PDB file of N, CA and C in Angstrom:
ATOM      1  N   MET A   1     -62.533 -18.751  36.794  1.00  0.00           N
ATOM      2  CA  MET A   1     -63.067 -17.835  36.972  1.00  0.00           C
ATOM      3  C   MET A   1     -62.829 -16.317  36.748  1.00  0.00           C
ATOM      4  N   ILE A   2     -63.441 -15.487  36.761  1.00  0.00           N
ATOM      5  CA  ILE A   2     -63.392 -14.409  36.799  1.00  0.00           C
ATOM      6  C   ILE A   2     -64.133 -13.155  37.188  1.00  0.00           C
ATOM      7  N   GLY A   3     -63.603 -12.041  37.317  1.00  0.00           N
ATOM      8  CA  GLY A   3     -63.800 -10.963  37.611  1.00  0.00           C
ATOM      9  C   GLY A   3     -63.611  -9.744  37.447  1.00  0.00           C
ATOM     10  N   ILE A   4     -64.832  -8.788  37.459  1.00  0.00           N
ATOM     11  CA  ILE A   4     -63.777  -7.403  36.695  1.00  0.00           C
ATOM     12  C   ILE A   4     -64.972  -6.288  37.734  1.00  0.00           C
ATOM     13  N   ASP A   5     -64.685  -5.142  38.009  1.00  0.00           N
ATOM     14  CA  ASP A   5     -64.675  -3.522  38.349  1.00  0.00           C
ATOM     15  C   ASP A   5     -64.586  -2.640  37.837  1.00  0.00           C
ATOM     16  N   LEU A   6     -65.371  -1.430  38.117  1.00  0.00           N
ATOM     17  CA  LEU A   6     -65.086  -0.466  37.491  1.00  0.00           C
ATOM     18  C   LEU A   6     -65.365   0.881  38.476  1.00  0.00           C
ATOM     19  N   ILE A   7     -64.342   1.640  38.601  1.00  0.00           N
ATOM     20  CA  ILE A   7     -65.105   2.502  39.807  1.00  0.00           C
ATOM     21  C   ILE A   7     -64.518   3.866  38.669  1.00  0.00           C
ATOM     22  N   ALA A   8     -65.631   4.638  38.982  1.00  0.00           N
ATOM     23  CA  ALA A   8     -65.296   6.326  38.418  1.00  0.00           C
ATOM     24  C   ALA A   8     -64.007   6.682  39.236  1.00  0.00           C
ATOM     25  N   VAL A   9     -63.094   7.292  38.857  1.00  0.00           N
ATOM     26  CA  VAL A   9     -61.848   7.950  39.111  1.00  0.00           C
ATOM     27  C   VAL A   9     -62.033   9.278  40.229  1.00  0.00           C
ATOM     28  N   SER A  10     -62.924   9.713  40.098  1.00  0.00           N
ATOM     29  CA  SER A  10     -63.654  11.305  40.832  1.00  0.00           C
ATOM     30  C   SER A  10     -63.731  10.405  42.238  1.00  0.00           C
ATOM     31  N   ARG A  11     -64.665   9.307  42.380  1.00  0.00           N
ATOM     32  CA  ARG A  11     -64.834   9.038  43.647  1.00  0.00           C
ATOM     33  C   ARG A  11     -63.697   8.549  44.647  1.00  0.00           C
ATOM     34  N   MET A  12     -62.697   8.432  44.050  1.00  0.00           N
ATOM     35  CA  MET A  12     -61.456   7.803  45.030  1.00  0.00           C
ATOM     36  C   MET A  12     -60.849   9.426  45.068  1.00  0.00           C
ATOM     37  N   LYS A  13     -61.058  10.656  43.909  1.00  0.00           N
ATOM     38  CA  LYS A  13     -60.191  11.782  43.656  1.00  0.00           C
ATOM     39  C   LYS A  13     -61.035  12.012  45.155  1.00  0.00           C
ATOM     40  N   ARG A  14     -62.396  11.611  45.824  1.00  0.00           N
ATOM     41  CA  ARG A  14     -63.015  12.460  47.061  1.00  0.00           C
ATOM     42  C   ARG A  14     -62.340  12.160  48.172  1.00  0.00           C
ATOM     43  N   PHE A  15     -62.563  10.833  48.513  1.00  0.00           N
ATOM     44  CA  PHE A  15     -62.008   9.420  49.132  1.00  0.00           C
ATOM     45  C   PHE A  15     -60.653   9.978  49.682  1.00  0.00           C
ATOM     46  N   MET A  16     -59.496  10.495  48.502  1.00  0.00           N
ATOM     47  CA  MET A  16     -58.441  10.311  49.227  1.00  0.00           C
ATOM     48  C   MET A  16     -58.864  12.199  49.392  1.00  0.00           C
ATOM     49  N   ASP A  17     -59.214  13.107  49.291  1.00  0.00           N
ATOM     50  CA  ASP A  17     -58.985  14.369  49.434  1.00  0.00           C
ATOM     51  C   ASP A  17     -59.797  14.482  50.587  1.00  0.00           C
ATOM     52  N   ARG A  18     -60.665  13.388  51.083  1.00  0.00           N
ATOM     53  CA  ARG A  18     -61.148  13.630  52.879  1.00  0.00           C
ATOM     54  C   ARG A  18     -60.175  12.759  53.718  1.00  0.00           C
ATOM     55  N   PHE A  19     -60.020  11.757  53.265  1.00  0.00           N
ATOM     56  CA  PHE A  19     -59.054  10.773  53.935  1.00  0.00           C
ATOM     57  C   PHE A  19     -57.783  10.457  53.560  1.00  0.00           C
ATOM     58  N   GLY A  20     -57.403  11.000  52.592  1.00  0.00           N
ATOM     59  CA  GLY A  20     -56.007  11.117  52.543  1.00  0.00           C
ATOM     60  C   GLY A  20     -55.260   9.840  52.544  1.00  0.00           C
ATOM     61  N   GLN A  21     -53.707   9.343  53.030  1.00  0.00           N
ATOM     62  CA  GLN A  21     -52.773   8.231  53.596  1.00  0.00           C
ATOM     63  C   GLN A  21     -53.636   7.637  54.303  1.00  0.00           C
ATOM     64  N   LYS A  22     -54.676   7.880  55.008  1.00  0.00           N
ATOM     65  CA  LYS A  22     -55.723   7.093  55.901  1.00  0.00           C
ATOM     66  C   LYS A  22     -56.054   6.220  55.723  1.00  0.00           C
ATOM     67  N   GLY A  23     -56.873   7.058  54.740  1.00  0.00           N
ATOM     68  CA  GLY A  23     -57.641   6.132  54.324  1.00  0.00           C
ATOM     69  C   GLY A  23     -57.069   5.176  53.042  1.00  0.00           C
ATOM     70  N   LEU A  24     -55.802   5.347  51.935  1.00  0.00           N
ATOM     71  CA  LEU A  24     -55.407   4.639  51.840  1.00  0.00           C
ATOM     72  C   LEU A  24     -55.161   3.178  51.945  1.00  0.00           C
ATOM     73  N   ARG A  25     -54.790   3.357  53.577  1.00  0.00           N
ATOM     74  CA  ARG A  25     -54.104   2.340  54.542  1.00  0.00           C
ATOM     75  C   ARG A  25     -54.963   1.626  54.442  1.00  0.00           C
ATOM     76  N   ARG A  26     -56.581   1.560  54.633  1.00  0.00           N
ATOM     77  CA  ARG A  26     -57.448   0.994  54.670  1.00  0.00           C
ATOM     78  C   ARG A  26     -57.869  -0.292  53.716  1.00  0.00           C
ATOM     79  N   PHE A  27     -56.916  -0.225  52.081  1.00  0.00           N
ATOM     80  CA  PHE A  27     -57.448  -1.023  51.045  1.00  0.00           C
ATOM     81  C   PHE A  27     -55.954  -1.202  50.553  1.00  0.00           C
ATOM     82  N   LEU A  28     -54.979  -0.836  51.251  1.00  0.00           N
ATOM     83  CA  LEU A  28     -53.472  -0.641  50.033  1.00  0.00           C
ATOM     84  C   LEU A  28     -52.345  -0.775  52.064  1.00  0.00           C
ATOM     85  N   ASP A  29     -51.579  -1.500  51.539  1.00  0.00           N
ATOM     86  CA  ASP A  29     -50.753  -1.792  51.869  1.00  0.00           C
ATOM     87  C   ASP A  29     -49.398  -1.005  51.558  1.00  0.00           C
ATOM     88  N   GLU A  30     -48.308  -0.543  52.617  1.00  0.00           N
ATOM     89  CA  GLU A  30     -47.351   0.624  52.563  1.00  0.00           C
ATOM     90  C   GLU A  30     -46.158   0.297  51.558  1.00  0.00           C
ATOM     91  N   ASN A  31     -46.415  -0.753  50.752  1.00  0.00           N
ATOM     92  CA  ASN A  31     -45.251  -1.495  49.524  1.00  0.00           C
ATOM     93  C   ASN A  31     -46.485  -1.106  48.300  1.00  0.00           C
ATOM     94  N   GLU A  32     -47.606  -0.923  49.153  1.00  0.00           N
ATOM     95  CA  GLU A  32     -49.095  -0.556  47.276  1.00  0.00           C
ATOM     96  C   GLU A  32     -48.584   0.983  47.668  1.00  0.00           C
ATOM     97  N   ILE A  33     -49.471   2.060  48.944  1.00  0.00           N
ATOM     98  CA  ILE A  33     -48.858   2.998  48.635  1.00  0.00           C
ATOM     99  C   ILE A  33     -48.313   3.465  47.787  1.00  0.00           C
ATOM    100  N   ALA A  34     -46.824   3.019  48.041  1.00  0.00           N
ATOM    101  CA  ALA A  34     -45.220   3.566  46.935  1.00  0.00           C
ATOM    102  C   ALA A  34     -46.208   3.397  45.841  1.00  0.00           C
ATOM    103  N   LEU A  35     -46.678   2.260  45.592  1.00  0.00           N
ATOM    104  CA  LEU A  35     -46.834   2.632  44.104  1.00  0.00           C
ATOM    105  C   LEU A  35     -48.161   3.679  43.495  1.00  0.00           C
ATOM    106  N   VAL A  36     -48.760   4.390  44.277  1.00  0.00           N
ATOM    107  CA  VAL A  36     -50.120   5.272  43.902  1.00  0.00           C
ATOM    108  C   VAL A  36     -49.426   6.749  43.324  1.00  0.00           C
ATOM    109  N   LYS A  37     -49.331   6.753  42.254  1.00  0.00           N
ATOM    110  CA  LYS A  37     -49.533   8.137  41.937  1.00  0.00           C
ATOM    111  C   LYS A  37     -49.943   9.009  42.114  1.00  0.00           C
ATOM    112  N   ASN A  38     -51.383   8.986  41.718  1.00  0.00           N
ATOM    113  CA  ASN A  38     -52.516   9.648  42.102  1.00  0.00           C
ATOM    114  C   ASN A  38     -53.732   8.769  42.107  1.00  0.00           C
ATOM    115  N   HIS A  39     -54.871   9.908  42.559  1.00  0.00           N
ATOM    116  CA  HIS A  39     -55.957   9.281  42.423  1.00  0.00           C
ATOM    117  C   HIS A  39     -56.665   7.902  40.896  1.00  0.00           C
ATOM    118  N   ARG A  40     -56.002   8.582  40.161  1.00  0.00           N
ATOM    119  CA  ARG A  40     -56.252   7.263  39.174  1.00  0.00           C
ATOM    120  C   ARG A  40     -55.783   5.747  39.258  1.00  0.00           C
ATOM    121  N   THR A  41     -54.381   5.957  39.610  1.00  0.00           N
ATOM    122  CA  THR A  41     -53.754   4.759  40.434  1.00  0.00           C
ATOM    123  C   THR A  41     -53.911   4.263  41.134  1.00  0.00           C
ATOM    124  N   ALA A  42     -54.699   4.410  42.079  1.00  0.00           N
ATOM    125  CA  ALA A  42     -55.594   4.462  43.576  1.00  0.00           C
ATOM    126  C   ALA A  42     -56.545   3.435  42.918  1.00  0.00           C
ATOM    127  N   ALA A  43     -57.667   4.349  41.880  1.00  0.00           N
ATOM    128  CA  ALA A  43     -58.695   3.592  41.383  1.00  0.00           C
ATOM    129  C   ALA A  43     -58.630   2.351  40.571  1.00  0.00           C
ATOM    130  N   GLY A  44     -57.681   2.342  40.466  1.00  0.00           N
ATOM    131  CA  GLY A  44     -57.360   1.066  39.818  1.00  0.00           C
ATOM    132  C   GLY A  44     -57.088  -0.148  40.651  1.00  0.00           C
ATOM    133  N   PHE A  45     -56.195   0.194  41.625  1.00  0.00           N
ATOM    134  CA  PHE A  45     -55.585  -0.804  42.595  1.00  0.00           C
ATOM    135  C   PHE A  45     -56.964  -1.599  43.324  1.00  0.00           C
ATOM    136  N   TRP A  46     -58.092  -0.275  43.243  1.00  0.00           N
ATOM    137  CA  TRP A  46     -59.600  -0.656  44.286  1.00  0.00           C
ATOM    138  C   TRP A  46     -60.033  -1.708  43.630  1.00  0.00           C
ATOM    139  N   ALA A  47     -60.305  -1.031  42.482  1.00  0.00           N
ATOM    140  CA  ALA A  47     -61.306  -2.071  41.261  1.00  0.00           C
ATOM    141  C   ALA A  47     -60.497  -3.533  40.895  1.00  0.00           C
ATOM    142  N   ALA A  48     -59.219  -3.327  41.048  1.00  0.00           N
ATOM    143  CA  ALA A  48     -58.085  -4.900  41.116  1.00  0.00           C
ATOM    144  C   ALA A  48     -58.506  -5.799  42.098  1.00  0.00           C
ATOM    145  N   LYS A  49     -58.481  -4.715  42.933  1.00  0.00           N
ATOM    146  CA  LYS A  49     -59.167  -5.897  44.903  1.00  0.00           C
ATOM    147  C   LYS A  49     -60.164  -6.297  44.407  1.00  0.00           C
ATOM    148  N   GLU A  50     -61.364  -5.371  43.936  1.00  0.00           N
ATOM    149  CA  GLU A  50     -62.854  -5.635  43.617  1.00  0.00           C
ATOM    150  C   GLU A  50     -62.728  -6.964  42.766  1.00  0.00           C
ATOM    151  N   ALA A  51     -62.424  -7.276  42.155  1.00  0.00           N
ATOM    152  CA  ALA A  51     -62.309  -7.983  40.503  1.00  0.00           C
ATOM    153  C   ALA A  51     -61.887  -9.281  41.605  1.00  0.00           C
ATOM    154  N   CYS A  52     -60.621  -9.744  41.955  1.00  0.00           N
ATOM    155  CA  CYS A  52     -60.043 -10.302  42.518  1.00  0.00           C
ATOM    156  C   CYS A  52     -61.114 -11.073  43.318  1.00  0.00           C
ATOM    157  N   SER A  53     -61.733 -10.331  44.158  1.00  0.00           N
ATOM    158  CA  SER A  53     -62.869 -11.444  45.121  1.00  0.00           C
ATOM    159  C   SER A  53     -64.260 -11.016  44.867  1.00  0.00           C
ATOM    160  N   LYS A  54     -64.261 -10.925  43.855  1.00  0.00           N
ATOM    161  CA  LYS A  54     -65.827 -11.290  43.022  1.00  0.00           C
ATOM    162  C   LYS A  54     -65.114 -12.728  41.875  1.00  0.00           C
ATOM    163  N   ALA A  55     -64.331 -12.554  41.592  1.00  0.00           N
ATOM    164  CA  ALA A  55     -63.470 -13.662  40.941  1.00  0.00           C
ATOM    165  C   ALA A  55     -63.349 -14.980  41.433  1.00  0.00           C
ATOM    166  N   LEU A  56     -63.261 -14.799  43.021  1.00  0.00           N
ATOM    167  CA  LEU A  56     -63.357 -15.628  43.862  1.00  0.00           C
ATOM    168  C   LEU A  56     -64.486 -15.996  44.678  1.00  0.00           C
ATOM    169  N   GLY A  57     -65.614 -15.350  44.169  1.00  0.00           N
ATOM    170  CA  GLY A  57     -67.220 -15.594  44.235  1.00  0.00           C
ATOM    171  C   GLY A  57     -66.938 -15.289  45.889  1.00  0.00           C
ATOM    172  N   CYS A  58     -66.599 -14.376  46.490  1.00  0.00           N
ATOM    173  CA  CYS A  58     -66.958 -14.170  48.113  1.00  0.00           C
ATOM    174  C   CYS A  58     -67.124 -12.093  47.961  1.00  0.00           C
ATOM    175  N   GLY A  59     -66.555 -11.991  47.823  1.00  0.00           N
ATOM    176  CA  GLY A  59     -66.017 -10.189  47.618  1.00  0.00           C
ATOM    177  C   GLY A  59     -65.826 -10.129  48.855  1.00  0.00           C
ATOM    178  N   ILE A  60     -65.306  -8.639  49.077  1.00  0.00           N
ATOM    179  CA  ILE A  60     -65.035  -8.400  50.196  1.00  0.00           C
ATOM    180  C   ILE A  60     -65.362  -9.110  51.134  1.00  0.00           C
ATOM    181  N   GLY A  61     -64.824  -8.765  52.627  1.00  0.00           N
ATOM    182  CA  GLY A  61     -65.511  -9.631  53.343  1.00  0.00           C
ATOM    183  C   GLY A  61     -64.510 -10.793  54.943  1.00  0.00           C
ATOM    184  N   ARG A  62     -65.049 -10.974  55.209  1.00  0.00           N
ATOM    185  CA  ARG A  62     -65.137 -11.971  56.483  1.00  0.00           C
ATOM    186  C   ARG A  62     -64.298 -13.215  55.191  1.00  0.00           C
ATOM    187  N   GLU A  63     -64.479 -13.916  54.381  1.00  0.00           N
ATOM    188  CA  GLU A  63     -63.655 -14.837  53.559  1.00  0.00           C
ATOM    189  C   GLU A  63     -62.367 -14.550  52.866  1.00  0.00           C
ATOM    190  N   CYS A  64     -62.320 -12.620  52.541  1.00  0.00           N
ATOM    191  CA  CYS A  64     -61.327 -12.316  51.714  1.00  0.00           C
ATOM    192  C   CYS A  64     -61.853 -10.554  52.047  1.00  0.00           C
ATOM    193  N   GLY A  65     -60.880 -10.022  52.515  1.00  0.00           N
ATOM    194  CA  GLY A  65     -60.223  -8.587  52.729  1.00  0.00           C
ATOM    195  C   GLY A  65     -59.326  -8.262  51.466  1.00  0.00           C
ATOM    196  N   PHE A  66     -59.465  -6.721  51.874  1.00  0.00           N
ATOM    197  CA  PHE A  66     -58.401  -5.885  50.972  1.00  0.00           C
ATOM    198  C   PHE A  66     -57.175  -5.948  51.245  1.00  0.00           C
ATOM    199  N   HIS A  67     -56.697  -6.076  52.133  1.00  0.00           N
ATOM    200  CA  HIS A  67     -55.380  -6.789  52.884  1.00  0.00           C
ATOM    201  C   HIS A  67     -54.934  -8.543  52.570  1.00  0.00           C
ATOM    202  N   ASP A  68     -56.079  -9.181  52.321  1.00  0.00           N
ATOM    203  CA  ASP A  68     -55.696 -10.114  51.817  1.00  0.00           C
ATOM    204  C   ASP A  68     -54.887 -10.444  50.252  1.00  0.00           C
ATOM    205  N   MET A  69     -55.247  -9.565  49.889  1.00  0.00           N
ATOM    206  CA  MET A  69     -54.893  -8.960  48.437  1.00  0.00           C
ATOM    207  C   MET A  69     -53.685  -8.430  47.811  1.00  0.00           C
ATOM    208  N   ARG A  70     -52.665  -8.351  47.339  1.00  0.00           N
ATOM    209  CA  ARG A  70     -51.530  -7.144  47.051  1.00  0.00           C
ATOM    210  C   ARG A  70     -50.907  -7.280  46.101  1.00  0.00           C
ATOM    211  N   ILE A  71     -50.379  -5.923  45.554  1.00  0.00           N
ATOM    212  CA  ILE A  71     -50.699  -5.443  44.037  1.00  0.00           C
ATOM    213  C   ILE A  71     -49.338  -5.421  44.324  1.00  0.00           C
ATOM    214  N   ALA A  72     -48.409  -5.436  43.419  1.00  0.00           N
ATOM    215  CA  ALA A  72     -47.289  -4.465  42.951  1.00  0.00           C
ATOM    216  C   ALA A  72     -47.296  -4.952  41.266  1.00  0.00           C
ATOM    217  N   LYS A  73     -45.998  -4.758  41.103  1.00  0.00           N
ATOM    218  CA  LYS A  73     -45.348  -4.329  39.800  1.00  0.00           C
ATOM    219  C   LYS A  73     -44.505  -4.735  39.008  1.00  0.00           C
ATOM    220  N   THR A  74     -44.111  -5.697  38.001  1.00  0.00           N
ATOM    221  CA  THR A  74     -43.084  -6.415  37.198  1.00  0.00           C
ATOM    222  C   THR A  74     -41.793  -5.143  37.139  1.00  0.00           C
ATOM    223  N   SER A  75     -40.996  -5.709  36.247  1.00  0.00           N
ATOM    224  CA  SER A  75     -40.156  -4.813  35.788  1.00  0.00           C
ATOM    225  C   SER A  75     -40.577  -3.899  34.958  1.00  0.00           C
ATOM    226  N   LYS A  76     -40.929  -4.265  34.227  1.00  0.00           N
ATOM    227  CA  LYS A  76     -41.419  -3.565  33.047  1.00  0.00           C
ATOM    228  C   LYS A  76     -42.775  -2.853  33.937  1.00  0.00           C
ATOM    229  N   GLY A  77     -43.149  -2.517  34.737  1.00  0.00           N
ATOM    230  CA  GLY A  77     -44.225  -2.041  34.766  1.00  0.00           C
ATOM    231  C   GLY A  77     -45.515  -2.258  34.929  1.00  0.00           C
ATOM    232  N   ALA A  78     -45.470  -3.914  34.371  1.00  0.00           N
ATOM    233  CA  ALA A  78     -47.100  -4.153  34.809  1.00  0.00           C
ATOM    234  C   ALA A  78     -47.621  -5.034  35.991  1.00  0.00           C
ATOM    235  N   PRO A  79     -48.997  -4.918  36.216  1.00  0.00           N
ATOM    236  CA  PRO A  79     -49.035  -4.917  37.216  1.00  0.00           C
ATOM    237  C   PRO A  79     -49.168  -6.822  38.024  1.00  0.00           C
ATOM    238  N   TYR A  80     -48.966  -7.091  39.007  1.00  0.00           N
ATOM    239  CA  TYR A  80     -49.685  -8.567  39.258  1.00  0.00           C
ATOM    240  C   TYR A  80     -50.025  -8.020  40.995  1.00  0.00           C
ATOM    241  N   ILE A  81     -51.302  -9.823  41.626  1.00  0.00           N
ATOM    242  CA  ILE A  81     -52.016  -9.656  42.290  1.00  0.00           C
ATOM    243  C   ILE A  81     -51.149 -10.833  43.003  1.00  0.00           C
ATOM    244  N   THR A  82     -50.767 -10.978  44.050  1.00  0.00           N
ATOM    245  CA  THR A  82     -51.427 -12.021  45.271  1.00  0.00           C
ATOM    246  C   THR A  82     -52.044 -12.215  45.977  1.00  0.00           C
ATOM    247  N   LEU A  83     -52.260 -12.843  46.965  1.00  0.00           N
ATOM    248  CA  LEU A  83     -53.369 -14.112  48.217  1.00  0.00           C
ATOM    249  C   LEU A  83     -52.194 -13.750  49.406  1.00  0.00           C
ATOM    250  N   SER A  84     -53.257 -13.706  50.402  1.00  0.00           N
ATOM    251  CA  SER A  84     -52.165 -14.266  51.737  1.00  0.00           C
ATOM    252  C   SER A  84     -52.472 -15.119  51.477  1.00  0.00           C
ATOM    253  N   ASN A  85     -51.896 -16.297  52.430  1.00  0.00           N
ATOM    254  CA  ASN A  85     -51.807 -17.851  52.824  1.00  0.00           C
ATOM    255  C   ASN A  85     -53.049 -18.428  52.494  1.00  0.00           C
ATOM    256  N   THR A  86     -53.479 -17.697  53.954  1.00  0.00           N
ATOM    257  CA  THR A  86     -54.865 -18.082  53.755  1.00  0.00           C
ATOM    258  C   THR A  86     -56.086 -18.049  52.977  1.00  0.00           C
ATOM    259  N   VAL A  87     -55.906 -16.876  52.068  1.00  0.00           N
ATOM    260  CA  VAL A  87     -56.463 -17.133  51.080  1.00  0.00           C
ATOM    261  C   VAL A  87     -56.094 -17.918  49.948  1.00  0.00           C
ATOM    262  N   HIS A  88     -54.968 -18.337  49.889  1.00  0.00           N
ATOM    263  CA  HIS A  88     -54.622 -18.586  48.177  1.00  0.00           C
ATOM    264  C   HIS A  88     -54.983 -19.989  48.813  1.00  0.00           C
ATOM    265  N   ASN A  89     -54.638 -20.646  50.085  1.00  0.00           N
ATOM    266  CA  ASN A  89     -55.506 -22.220  50.404  1.00  0.00           C
ATOM    267  C   ASN A  89     -56.446 -22.541  50.300  1.00  0.00           C
ATOM    268  N   ALA A  90     -56.845 -21.247  51.311  1.00  0.00           N
ATOM    269  CA  ALA A  90     -58.679 -21.874  51.440  1.00  0.00           C
ATOM    270  C   ALA A  90     -59.705 -21.882  50.041  1.00  0.00           C
ATOM    271  N   PHE A  91     -58.775 -21.274  49.316  1.00  0.00           N
ATOM    272  CA  PHE A  91     -59.473 -21.379  47.199  1.00  0.00           C
ATOM    273  C   PHE A  91     -58.701 -21.965  46.397  1.00  0.00           C
ATOM    274  N   SER A  92     -57.823 -22.473  46.769  1.00  0.00           N
ATOM    275  CA  SER A  92     -57.152 -23.578  46.653  1.00  0.00           C
ATOM    276  C   SER A  92     -56.629 -22.654  44.858  1.00  0.00           C
ATOM    277  N   ILE A  93     -55.974 -22.256  44.625  1.00  0.00           N
ATOM    278  CA  ILE A  93     -55.590 -21.020  43.816  1.00  0.00           C
ATOM    279  C   ILE A  93     -54.248 -21.218  43.355  1.00  0.00           C
ATOM    280  N   THR A  94     -53.824 -21.301  42.158  1.00  0.00           N
ATOM    281  CA  THR A  94     -53.295 -21.967  41.168  1.00  0.00           C
ATOM    282  C   THR A  94     -52.185 -20.711  39.946  1.00  0.00           C
ATOM    283  N   GLU A  95     -53.339 -19.882  39.858  1.00  0.00           N
ATOM    284  CA  GLU A  95     -53.268 -19.681  38.617  1.00  0.00           C
ATOM    285  C   GLU A  95     -53.539 -18.270  38.930  1.00  0.00           C
ATOM    286  N   ILE A  96     -53.034 -16.870  38.079  1.00  0.00           N
ATOM    287  CA  ILE A  96     -54.134 -15.461  38.838  1.00  0.00           C
ATOM    288  C   ILE A  96     -53.558 -14.656  37.720  1.00  0.00           C
ATOM    289  N   ALA A  97     -54.159 -13.495  37.036  1.00  0.00           N
ATOM    290  CA  ALA A  97     -53.723 -12.896  36.101  1.00  0.00           C
ATOM    291  C   ALA A  97     -54.937 -11.738  36.317  1.00  0.00           C
ATOM    292  N   ILE A  98     -54.093 -10.783  36.728  1.00  0.00           N
ATOM    293  CA  ILE A  98     -54.807  -9.552  36.770  1.00  0.00           C
ATOM    294  C   ILE A  98     -54.096  -8.551  35.049  1.00  0.00           C
ATOM    295  N   SER A  99     -55.508  -7.534  35.075  1.00  0.00           N
ATOM    296  CA  SER A  99     -55.161  -6.202  33.857  1.00  0.00           C
ATOM    297  C   SER A  99     -56.247  -5.149  34.248  1.00  0.00           C
ATOM    298  N   ILE A 100     -55.802  -4.102  34.570  1.00  0.00           N
ATOM    299  CA  ILE A 100     -55.380  -2.658  34.746  1.00  0.00           C
ATOM    300  C   ILE A 100     -56.226  -1.702  34.299  1.00  0.00           C
ATOM    301  N   THR A 101     -57.317  -0.959  33.883  1.00  0.00           N
ATOM    302  CA  THR A 101     -56.789   0.085  32.999  1.00  0.00           C
ATOM    303  C   THR A 101     -57.846   1.293  33.207  1.00  0.00           C
ATOM    304  N   HIS A 102     -57.603   2.406  32.445  1.00  0.00           N
ATOM    305  CA  HIS A 102     -57.925   3.560  32.334  1.00  0.00           C
ATOM    306  C   HIS A 102     -58.781   3.942  31.297  1.00  0.00           C
ATOM    307  N   ASP A 103     -59.847   4.489  31.053  1.00  0.00           N
ATOM    308  CA  ASP A 103     -60.445   5.129  30.243  1.00  0.00           C
ATOM    309  C   ASP A 103     -60.799   6.678  30.918  1.00  0.00           C
ATOM    310  N   GLY A 104     -60.674   7.516  30.272  1.00  0.00           N
ATOM    311  CA  GLY A 104     -61.478   9.024  30.582  1.00  0.00           C
ATOM    312  C   GLY A 104     -61.285   9.118  31.994  1.00  0.00           C
ATOM    313  N   ALA A 105     -63.039   8.492  32.783  1.00  0.00           N
ATOM    314  CA  ALA A 105     -63.600   9.259  34.029  1.00  0.00           C
ATOM    315  C   ALA A 105     -63.670   7.787  35.132  1.00  0.00           C
ATOM    316  N   TYR A 106     -62.862   6.483  33.987  1.00  0.00           N
ATOM    317  CA  TYR A 106     -63.704   5.280  34.941  1.00  0.00           C
ATOM    318  C   TYR A 106     -61.714   4.545  34.881  1.00  0.00           C
ATOM    319  N   ALA A 107     -61.635   3.936  35.699  1.00  0.00           N
ATOM    320  CA  ALA A 107     -60.495   2.166  35.600  1.00  0.00           C
ATOM    321  C   ALA A 107     -61.154   0.976  36.711  1.00  0.00           C
ATOM    322  N   ILE A 108     -60.851   0.515  35.035  1.00  0.00           N
ATOM    323  CA  ILE A 108     -60.911  -0.897  35.238  1.00  0.00           C
ATOM    324  C   ILE A 108     -60.692  -2.321  35.079  1.00  0.00           C
ATOM    325  N   ALA A 109     -60.898  -2.775  35.877  1.00  0.00           N
ATOM    326  CA  ALA A 109     -59.293  -4.266  36.018  1.00  0.00           C
ATOM    327  C   ALA A 109     -60.898  -5.149  36.532  1.00  0.00           C
ATOM    328  N   VAL A 110     -60.181  -6.563  35.270  1.00  0.00           N
ATOM    329  CA  VAL A 110     -60.211  -7.775  35.273  1.00  0.00           C
ATOM    330  C   VAL A 110     -58.856  -8.890  36.176  1.00  0.00           C
ATOM    331  N   VAL A 111     -59.719 -10.025  36.475  1.00  0.00           N
ATOM    332  CA  VAL A 111     -58.880 -11.025  36.943  1.00  0.00           C
ATOM    333  C   VAL A 111     -58.947 -12.334  37.108  1.00  0.00           C
ATOM    334  N   THR A 112     -58.225 -12.736  36.855  1.00  0.00           N
ATOM    335  CA  THR A 112     -58.587 -14.648  36.489  1.00  0.00           C
ATOM    336  C   THR A 112     -58.389 -14.919  36.659  1.00  0.00           C
ATOM    337  N   LEU A 113     -58.827 -15.961  37.551  1.00  0.00           N
ATOM    338  CA  LEU A 113     -58.773 -17.057  38.923  1.00  0.00           C
ATOM    339  C   LEU A 113     -58.394 -18.075  38.129  1.00  0.00           C
ATOM    340  N   GLN A 114     -57.273 -19.086  38.418  1.00  0.00           N
ATOM    341  CA  GLN A 114     -57.802 -21.021  38.239  1.00  0.00           C
ATOM    342  C   GLN A 114     -57.416 -21.985  39.989  1.00  0.00           C
ATOM    343  N   GLN A 115     -58.531 -22.454  39.913  1.00  0.00           N
ATOM    344  CA  GLN A 115     -58.184 -23.319  41.224  1.00  0.00           C
ATOM    345  C   GLN A 115     -58.339 -24.631  40.655  1.00  0.00           C
ATOM    346  N   GLY A 116     -58.322 -25.313  42.475  1.00  0.00           N
ATOM    347  CA  GLY A 116     -57.559 -26.783  41.310  1.00  0.00           C
ATOM    348  C   GLY A 116     -55.756 -26.946  41.719  1.00  0.00           C
ATOM    349  N   LYS A 117     -55.905 -28.376  41.643  1.00  0.00           N
ATOM    350  CA  LYS A 117     -54.787 -28.760  40.691  1.00  0.00           C
ATOM    351  C   LYS A 117     -54.178 -28.731  39.497  1.00  0.00           C
ATOM    352  N   LYS A 118     -53.022 -27.957  39.247  1.00  0.00           N
ATOM    353  CA  LYS A 118     -52.928 -28.480  37.891  1.00  0.00           C
ATOM    354  C   LYS A 118     -52.392 -29.680  36.921  1.00  0.00           C
ATOM    355  N   LEU A 119     -53.053 -29.145  36.020  1.00  0.00           N
ATOM    356  CA  LEU A 119     -53.364 -31.131  35.227  1.00  0.00           C
ATOM    357  C   LEU A 119     -51.571 -31.152  34.564  1.00  0.00           C
TER     358      LEU A 119
END
């Protein structure tokens, strides 16, 4: 399954200017916030979580909230995403991959998921 999301980084800048750290806590945990360098990074994280929920086929809501998905970075700086045990088990996820990019005024993320048992 695949999910994609696009966000104007100016939208995230307005959000952060208005709500600051409190706003970031609506969709990121403290470890994720520590990785946010600026509004462009935050926009990429937002897009990644939206893309993940779309790949799951449920969107952000009762079955999967923003805090059910956690973004981290590898030692080389590549992003990866993990799911809460509840979501991971409910959707039988065996593999997950993520890509985040920024181009001009936009942040874009793509997430692919594999469900079911590994062959």
